[in-house]
């Protein structure tokens, strides 16, 4: 039996089927396709400007490896640096995964700062969730994790002078977030997803997502072809207290299975419909949280992070500053 040839090069045997295009690709053409789509997305929205200093948020997973490899090849490694955040989840944050990522980055001329949620707020994610559960707080671990990771990346970007924060969110992530915002009626949140939308505050460093049009299965395949030893351990919280996002994820996977290309069309359609509105958004001056001093919504006294920590019974917040640890003590009366 003769193997089918790659639909692109017509030379090498095809080994990968790409459902959303209907093409059969060889490994070499598949890798080229992923790289070209990432580069096209960066160029289309002018995500990177000459002279940018870019912080890469690296988790050690498959998406992180793809982001790091492509950006370090198309941009100056000397203007890239990375932050890897240890959440503090039993059997999930493995030292060997972090070391592997650091070596991978160093080989490409990129330094990695390893920090942790504990270092920033004085408690690991596991401890925060444990305290919250004991108090009957019905907040998903993923909510704490997402808010903390965004805060820490922005913090390091700001203090080290990064002009952009590049995260490894893939198409699956982006489509899920878009649908969640639609279901919640959060139009501003939907607009902020657009690559042309500026940050909401001057204290927030602009985020870019070069992998936003790449499927998760594609980043997985890419890393396996390349032989990257990425982190494959599943977080223990993944099935705990399923969020709206988790339900949306399952629905979108079923839709994509029945009609390949659906996720891509969702994001491409929103990009087109929201482009003009996103351009009109401005970077404002938001109120500062009374506890940590970070931006918060106009009608709020506390930012979402401090509010969540308060609900979890953590009345001491620790915010890490290079060479200086600043502690903020507060009470119910002060708030």
Protein backbone atom coordinates (compact mmCIF):
# COMPACT_ATOMS: atom_id res chain seq x y z
CA UNK A 1 0.00 0.00 0.00
CA UNK A 2 1.44 3.37 -1.06
CA UNK A 3 1.20 6.22 1.45
CA UNK A 4 -0.54 9.39 0.30
CA UNK A 5 1.77 12.27 -0.49
CA UNK A 6 1.68 15.61 1.31
CA UNK A 7 -0.86 17.98 -0.24
CA UNK A 8 1.63 20.86 -0.03
CA UNK A 9 5.06 19.62 -1.11
CA UNK A 10 3.79 16.63 -3.16
CA UNK A 11 7.06 14.88 -2.30
CA UNK A 12 7.05 13.50 1.24
CA UNK A 13 4.50 11.04 2.66
CA UNK A 14 1.62 12.69 4.53
CA UNK A 15 1.38 11.80 8.22
CA UNK A 16 -0.88 14.53 9.69
CA UNK A 17 -4.46 15.35 8.76
CA UNK A 18 -5.56 18.95 9.31
CA UNK A 19 -9.38 18.83 9.69
CA UNK A 20 -10.08 22.57 9.36
CA UNK A 21 -8.36 22.73 5.93
CA UNK A 22 -8.95 19.15 4.82
CA UNK A 23 -5.26 18.83 3.94
CA UNK A 24 -2.92 15.90 4.50
CA UNK A 25 0.54 17.17 5.48
CA UNK A 26 3.99 15.76 6.01
CA UNK A 27 5.79 16.69 9.22
CA UNK A 28 7.97 19.32 7.56
CA UNK A 29 5.06 21.11 5.89
CA UNK A 30 3.00 20.92 9.07
CA UNK A 31 5.75 22.68 11.06
CA UNK A 32 6.11 25.31 8.32
CA UNK A 33 2.35 25.88 8.34
CA UNK A 34 2.23 26.49 12.09
CA UNK A 35 5.20 28.85 11.99
CA UNK A 36 3.85 30.84 9.04
CA UNK A 37 0.42 31.24 10.65
CA UNK A 38 1.98 32.51 13.89
CA UNK A 39 4.17 34.97 11.99
CA UNK A 40 1.23 36.10 9.85
CA UNK A 41 -0.86 36.77 12.96
CA UNK A 42 1.97 38.79 14.52
CA UNK A 43 2.42 40.84 11.34
CA UNK A 44 -1.30 41.28 10.64
CA UNK A 45 -1.93 43.00 13.97
CA UNK A 46 1.55 44.51 14.37
CA UNK A 47 1.98 42.71 17.69
CA UNK A 48 5.72 43.41 17.83
CA UNK A 49 7.34 46.78 17.20
CA UNK A 50 11.07 47.39 16.67
CA UNK A 51 12.72 47.90 20.05
CA UNK A 52 10.08 46.04 22.06
CA UNK A 53 11.26 44.28 25.19
CA UNK A 54 8.96 41.28 25.53
CA UNK A 55 8.19 39.21 28.60
CA UNK A 56 7.11 35.65 27.74
CA UNK A 57 4.78 33.93 30.17
CA UNK A 58 5.97 30.31 30.15
CA UNK A 59 4.18 27.51 32.00
CA UNK A 60 6.33 24.65 30.73
CA UNK A 61 3.49 23.19 28.68
CA UNK A 62 3.36 22.52 24.95
CA UNK A 63 2.12 25.99 24.01
CA UNK A 64 5.00 27.62 25.90
CA UNK A 65 7.58 25.68 23.90
CA UNK A 66 6.02 26.67 20.58
CA UNK A 67 5.79 30.32 21.61
CA UNK A 68 9.39 30.42 22.82
CA UNK A 69 10.85 28.67 19.80
CA UNK A 70 9.06 30.79 17.20
CA UNK A 71 9.57 34.17 18.90
CA UNK A 72 13.25 33.51 19.61
CA UNK A 73 13.76 32.77 15.90
CA UNK A 74 11.92 35.77 14.47
CA UNK A 75 12.87 38.38 17.09
CA UNK A 76 16.04 39.30 18.97
CA UNK A 77 16.51 36.88 21.89
CA UNK A 78 18.34 39.67 23.74
CA UNK A 79 15.04 41.55 23.90
CA UNK A 80 13.12 38.57 25.23
CA UNK A 81 12.92 37.32 28.79
CA UNK A 82 10.55 34.90 30.44
CA UNK A 83 8.72 34.40 33.70
CA UNK A 84 7.62 30.96 34.87
CA UNK A 85 5.18 30.86 37.78
CA UNK A 86 5.05 27.95 40.21
CA UNK A 87 1.44 27.75 41.32
CA UNK A 88 2.07 25.43 44.23
CA UNK A 89 -0.12 22.49 43.26
CA UNK A 90 0.83 19.02 44.62
CA UNK A 91 2.32 16.69 41.97
CA UNK A 92 1.82 19.35 39.28
CA UNK A 93 4.73 21.77 39.65
CA UNK A 94 7.66 19.45 39.05
CA UNK A 95 11.22 20.72 39.35
CA UNK A 96 12.38 18.72 36.32
CA UNK A 97 9.77 20.40 34.09
CA UNK A 98 10.93 23.86 35.17
CA UNK A 99 14.60 23.00 34.70
CA UNK A 100 13.89 21.57 31.24
CA UNK A 101 12.14 24.78 30.24
CA UNK A 102 15.02 26.90 31.59
CA UNK A 103 17.57 24.91 29.60
CA UNK A 104 15.43 25.12 26.45
CA UNK A 105 15.17 28.90 26.85
CA UNK A 106 18.85 29.38 27.67
CA UNK A 107 19.83 27.46 24.53
CA UNK A 108 17.88 30.07 22.59
CA UNK A 109 19.40 33.03 24.41
CA UNK A 110 16.41 33.74 26.67
CA UNK A 111 16.66 34.09 30.45
CA UNK A 112 13.88 32.70 32.65
CA UNK A 113 12.82 34.14 36.00
CA UNK A 114 11.17 31.48 38.15
CA UNK A 115 8.78 32.85 40.73
CA UNK A 116 5.71 31.56 42.56
CA UNK A 117 2.26 32.49 43.76
CA UNK A 118 3.54 31.99 47.32
CA UNK A 119 6.31 34.51 46.72
CA UNK A 120 3.78 37.10 45.57
CA UNK A 121 0.94 36.70 48.08
CA UNK A 122 2.47 34.56 50.81
CA UNK A 123 0.37 31.46 50.09
CA UNK A 124 0.45 28.78 47.41
CA UNK A 125 -2.58 28.23 45.20
CA UNK A 126 -3.32 24.99 47.04
CA UNK A 127 -3.31 26.82 50.38
CA UNK A 128 -5.57 29.58 49.06
CA UNK A 129 -8.08 27.06 47.69
CA UNK A 130 -7.94 25.05 50.92
CA UNK A 131 -8.69 28.13 53.02
CA UNK A 132 -11.50 29.18 50.69
CA UNK A 133 -13.16 25.76 50.82
CA UNK A 134 -13.08 25.75 54.61
CA UNK A 135 -14.93 29.08 54.58
CA UNK A 136 -17.48 27.82 52.06
CA UNK A 137 -16.33 30.15 49.29
CA UNK A 138 -17.61 28.79 45.98
CA UNK A 139 -14.82 30.08 43.77
CA UNK A 140 -13.12 27.76 41.31
CA UNK A 141 -9.36 27.16 41.75
CA UNK A 142 -8.99 28.17 38.10
CA UNK A 143 -10.35 31.64 38.96
CA UNK A 144 -7.72 32.22 41.63
CA UNK A 145 -5.01 30.84 39.36
CA UNK A 146 -5.93 32.93 36.32
CA UNK A 147 -6.14 36.21 38.21
CA UNK A 148 -2.89 35.58 40.09
CA UNK A 149 -0.96 34.57 36.98
CA UNK A 150 -2.09 37.67 35.08
CA UNK A 151 -1.19 39.89 38.03
CA UNK A 152 2.26 38.39 38.50
CA UNK A 153 3.16 38.56 34.79
CA UNK A 154 2.09 42.20 34.64
CA UNK A 155 4.03 42.95 37.82
CA UNK A 156 7.29 41.55 36.45
CA UNK A 157 6.73 43.14 33.04
CA UNK A 158 6.33 46.53 34.65
CA UNK A 159 9.29 46.38 37.03
CA UNK A 160 11.66 45.03 34.37
CA UNK A 161 10.57 47.46 31.67
CA UNK A 162 8.82 45.12 29.23
CA UNK A 163 6.71 46.86 26.60
CA UNK A 164 4.72 43.69 25.79
CA UNK A 165 3.68 40.50 27.57
CA UNK A 166 3.43 37.51 25.24
CA UNK A 167 1.29 34.64 26.45
CA UNK A 168 0.90 31.21 24.86
CA UNK A 169 -2.90 31.19 24.66
CA UNK A 170 -4.00 29.04 21.73
CA UNK A 171 -7.13 29.12 19.56
CA UNK A 172 -9.05 26.84 21.92
CA UNK A 173 -8.35 29.21 24.84
CA UNK A 174 -9.29 32.29 22.84
CA UNK A 175 -12.57 30.86 21.51
CA UNK A 176 -13.59 29.71 24.99
CA UNK A 177 -12.92 33.14 26.47
CA UNK A 178 -14.86 34.84 23.68
CA UNK A 179 -17.93 32.64 24.15
CA UNK A 180 -17.80 33.04 27.94
CA UNK A 181 -17.77 36.83 27.53
CA UNK A 182 -20.74 36.62 25.16
CA UNK A 183 -22.70 34.43 27.56
CA UNK A 184 -21.98 36.85 30.41
CA UNK A 185 -22.89 39.86 28.31
CA UNK A 186 -19.43 41.32 28.84
CA UNK A 187 -19.04 43.42 25.71
CA UNK A 188 -16.02 45.34 26.97
CA UNK A 189 -14.31 42.07 27.92
CA UNK A 190 -15.01 40.80 24.40
CA UNK A 191 -13.51 43.96 22.90
CA UNK A 192 -10.43 43.65 25.09
CA UNK A 193 -9.74 40.26 23.48
CA UNK A 194 -9.15 41.92 20.13
CA UNK A 195 -5.44 42.19 19.25
CA UNK A 196 -5.80 45.91 18.55
CA UNK A 197 -7.36 46.71 21.93
CA UNK A 198 -5.06 48.75 24.19
CA UNK A 199 -4.63 47.88 27.88
CA UNK A 200 -7.34 49.29 30.15
CA UNK A 201 -4.84 51.09 32.39
CA UNK A 202 -1.36 52.59 32.12
CA UNK A 203 -0.31 50.18 34.86
CA UNK A 204 -1.20 47.23 32.63
CA UNK A 205 1.43 46.18 30.07
CA UNK A 206 0.03 45.34 26.65
CA UNK A 207 -0.52 41.61 26.08
CA UNK A 208 -0.03 39.80 22.79
CA UNK A 209 -1.10 36.27 21.86
CA UNK A 210 0.83 35.03 18.82
CA UNK A 211 -0.74 31.54 19.01
CA UNK A 212 -4.35 32.76 19.06
CA UNK A 213 -5.17 31.13 15.69
CA UNK A 214 -3.39 27.82 16.38
CA UNK A 215 -5.43 24.85 17.63
CA UNK A 216 -4.32 23.12 20.81
CA UNK A 217 -3.99 19.79 18.97
CA UNK A 218 -1.61 21.56 16.58
CA UNK A 219 0.70 22.82 19.34
CA UNK A 220 0.65 19.32 20.84
CA UNK A 221 1.58 17.76 17.49
CA UNK A 222 4.26 20.40 16.90
CA UNK A 223 5.98 19.66 20.22
CA UNK A 224 5.86 15.89 19.68
CA UNK A 225 7.39 16.25 16.21
CA UNK A 226 10.12 18.46 17.63
CA UNK A 227 10.70 16.12 20.55
CA UNK A 228 10.25 18.76 23.25
CA UNK A 229 9.89 17.28 26.72
CA UNK A 230 7.02 19.48 27.83
CA UNK A 231 4.99 19.17 31.02
CA UNK A 232 2.16 16.66 30.58
CA UNK A 233 0.98 16.27 34.18
CA UNK A 234 -2.65 17.30 34.58
CA UNK A 235 -3.57 19.80 37.28
CA UNK A 236 -5.47 18.21 40.16
CA UNK A 237 -7.98 21.08 40.08
CA UNK A 238 -8.95 20.62 36.42
CA UNK A 239 -12.16 18.73 37.23
CA UNK A 240 -12.85 20.39 40.58
CA UNK A 241 -15.83 22.78 40.65
CA UNK A 242 -16.27 22.99 36.83
CA UNK A 243 -16.49 26.58 35.67
CA UNK A 244 -18.60 28.06 32.88
CA UNK A 245 -15.42 27.92 30.79
CA UNK A 246 -15.16 24.16 31.32
CA UNK A 247 -18.71 23.67 30.06
CA UNK A 248 -18.09 25.97 27.10
CA UNK A 249 -14.90 24.03 26.33
CA UNK A 250 -16.77 20.74 26.03
CA UNK A 251 -19.49 22.29 23.87
CA UNK A 252 -16.94 23.88 21.53
CA UNK A 253 -14.97 20.64 21.19
CA UNK A 254 -18.15 18.85 20.16
CA UNK A 255 -18.95 21.60 17.65
CA UNK A 256 -15.42 21.50 16.22
CA UNK A 257 -15.60 17.72 15.88
CA UNK A 258 -18.86 17.95 13.91
CA UNK A 259 -17.88 21.01 11.89
CA UNK A 260 -14.08 21.45 11.65
CA UNK A 261 -12.91 25.04 11.53
CA UNK A 262 -15.69 26.37 13.79
CA UNK A 263 -13.33 27.77 16.44
CA UNK A 264 -11.24 29.52 13.84
CA UNK A 265 -14.33 31.06 12.24
CA UNK A 266 -15.55 32.32 15.63
CA UNK A 267 -12.33 34.25 16.25
CA UNK A 268 -11.90 35.46 12.66
CA UNK A 269 -15.51 36.72 12.60
CA UNK A 270 -15.12 38.53 15.93
CA UNK A 271 -11.82 40.05 14.75
CA UNK A 272 -13.63 41.48 11.73
CA UNK A 273 -16.76 42.68 13.57
CA UNK A 274 -14.97 44.24 16.52
CA UNK A 275 -11.94 45.78 14.81
CA UNK A 276 -13.25 49.34 14.52
CA UNK A 277 -14.64 49.36 18.06
CA UNK A 278 -11.40 47.92 19.44
CA UNK A 279 -9.42 50.70 17.75
CA UNK A 280 -11.55 53.29 19.54
CA UNK A 281 -10.80 51.90 22.98
CA UNK A 282 -8.41 54.01 25.04
CA UNK A 283 -6.04 53.39 27.90
CA UNK A 284 -7.64 55.10 30.85
CA UNK A 285 -6.68 55.89 34.41
CA UNK A 286 -8.45 53.38 36.61
CA UNK A 287 -8.91 53.69 40.36
CA UNK A 288 -6.26 52.01 42.49
CA UNK A 289 -7.11 49.19 44.87
CA UNK A 290 -7.02 50.39 48.50
CA UNK A 291 -4.94 47.38 49.49
CA UNK A 292 -2.38 46.65 46.78
CA UNK A 293 -2.52 49.82 44.68
CA UNK A 294 -3.14 47.93 41.43
CA UNK A 295 -5.85 49.03 38.95
CA UNK A 296 -9.45 48.18 39.70
CA UNK A 297 -12.86 49.03 38.26
CA UNK A 298 -14.20 52.58 38.79
CA UNK A 299 -16.86 51.57 41.33
CA UNK A 300 -14.72 49.13 43.32
CA UNK A 301 -12.61 49.84 46.39
CA UNK A 302 -10.69 46.59 46.06
CA UNK A 303 -9.31 44.82 43.03
CA UNK A 304 -10.65 41.35 42.27
CA UNK A 305 -7.53 39.66 43.63
CA UNK A 306 -7.66 41.37 47.02
CA UNK A 307 -11.41 40.73 47.17
CA UNK A 308 -10.86 37.01 46.56
CA UNK A 309 -8.07 36.82 49.13
CA UNK A 310 -10.29 38.55 51.66
CA UNK A 311 -13.14 36.09 51.02
CA UNK A 312 -10.69 33.22 51.45
CA UNK A 313 -9.76 34.52 54.89
CA UNK A 314 -6.31 35.69 53.93
CA UNK A 315 -6.05 39.03 55.71
CA UNK A 316 -2.39 39.51 54.96
CA UNK A 317 -1.25 40.10 51.41
CA UNK A 318 2.41 39.92 50.47
CA UNK A 319 3.50 41.68 47.31
CA UNK A 320 6.99 40.84 46.12
CA UNK A 321 9.31 43.65 45.04
CA UNK A 322 12.89 42.91 43.92
CA UNK A 323 15.15 43.03 46.99
CA UNK A 324 12.28 44.28 49.16
CA UNK A 325 9.26 42.42 50.46
CA UNK A 326 6.37 44.73 51.24
CA UNK A 327 3.67 43.47 53.58
CA UNK A 328 0.21 45.02 53.69
CA UNK A 329 -1.90 44.31 56.75
CA UNK A 330 -5.54 45.23 56.71
CA UNK A 331 -8.68 44.62 58.72
CA UNK A 332 -12.40 44.65 58.09
CA UNK A 333 -12.63 48.17 59.54
CA UNK A 334 -9.95 49.52 57.21
CA UNK A 335 -11.81 48.16 54.19
